[in-house]
Amino acid sequence: VRLHPGGEQLLRRRAGTDVSAALDGPPHRHSENARRWLEQYYVGDIEPGDEQVPPRGRAGTGGTRAVRGAGGICSLCGVPQHYNPCLLPQDLVDWQKPLLWQVGYLGEKYDEWVHQPVDRPIRLFHSDFLEFLSKTAWYVVFLVWTPVVLYLSWVSYTSLAQGNTRLFSSFTTEYSIPVHKYYFPFIFLLGMILWSLLEYLIHRFVFHMKPPASNYYLITLHFLLHGQHHKSPFDSSRLVFPPVPASLVIGFFYGVLRLLLPEVLGLSVFVGGLCGYVIYDMMHYYLHYGSPKKGTYLYGLKAYHVKHHFEHQKSGSFGISTRFWDYPFRTLIPEETFKKED
């Protein structure tokens, strides 16, 4: 209930009623993936006339049939969780084993399979240690990288305050431009803007590449990088980037900036980009698990991002923290239209 993009109250107002017509909108026409998603929560069929919802905390018994999974345990397989594989068609993989080494064998079926989301946790590796490194709680990103951002911001500002930093000094000393400490906020902001562009490009061209059906290793790489997130978008342990692999990627971009810009200037741009990354990861987690107030910017962004997961997975919403880059690159998800009722 709390994960619903339209908000918890929207569902509670409809509790005990037939929502078949509501699934077709307005305000939102639910996708085939969203309808398939509902199958995971099937409990039983309600007989006509017994639509009354039982009081909270009590299980309804009268007027239902074919009830499975009551109390969160499936009577067919004994799975003690809300996800019930017995009620769904047979999957192409064995969920009891690590998925990373299985997906490459799906071949031409992989692209369709990975874009049919399910609500269940994913295990990637046989090794418990590697599995541990691949999972991250959202607050770990904040705790690890925020001190780094603060420290490097202080280093950048105090270095610029010495007055030794000049732009284009490697080409000419006569016409080089001094970079004062007062420019630091603007350089920092430039780094954040560059990160938002980089975020868009990585998401669109790396995370959403379509691996060749015949290439086992590229399929496996795609699933490791991003496919796992689209298959299980509400696996809370895999919504942010683990610090160990993140440090390698961050170190690479720092090295590139050091080559292109003077040391202090490159560091100032880098720390702005690093701050942008932290905001991006925190916002990504919030868009999945947060409950923003209706009408706010984050509410619209959450609904927009969920559309990307369930319907427009290959054609839009490649910017997570902002929709800005979807406009110039023409990847904006189109607004839904409905005919006016009499």
Foldseek 3Di string as FASTA:
>chain_A
DLQDLVGDVVVVVQQLHDCPVCCCDVVDNHDPLVVLQVLQQDFFDADPPRSDDDPPPDDDDPRTPPGACPVQAGPVPGDNHSGDPVRDPDDPDDQVDACLQPLLVCQPVNVVLLLNAYADDHQHDPDPVVSVLQFAALCVLVVPQVVVLVVLLVVLLVVLCVFPDWWPVVPPVVPTHTDHSVCLVVLLQLLLVVLLVVLLCCLQPPLQDDDHSNDSVSSSVNCSVHSVCLHHVPNNGNLAGRPPVVVVVLVVQLVVLVVVTPNSSSSSSSSSNSVSNSVLSNLSSCLRRNGDDPPDPSSVLSVQVVCCSNPVVNQADSRNVDRVVCVVVVRHDDRDDDDDDD
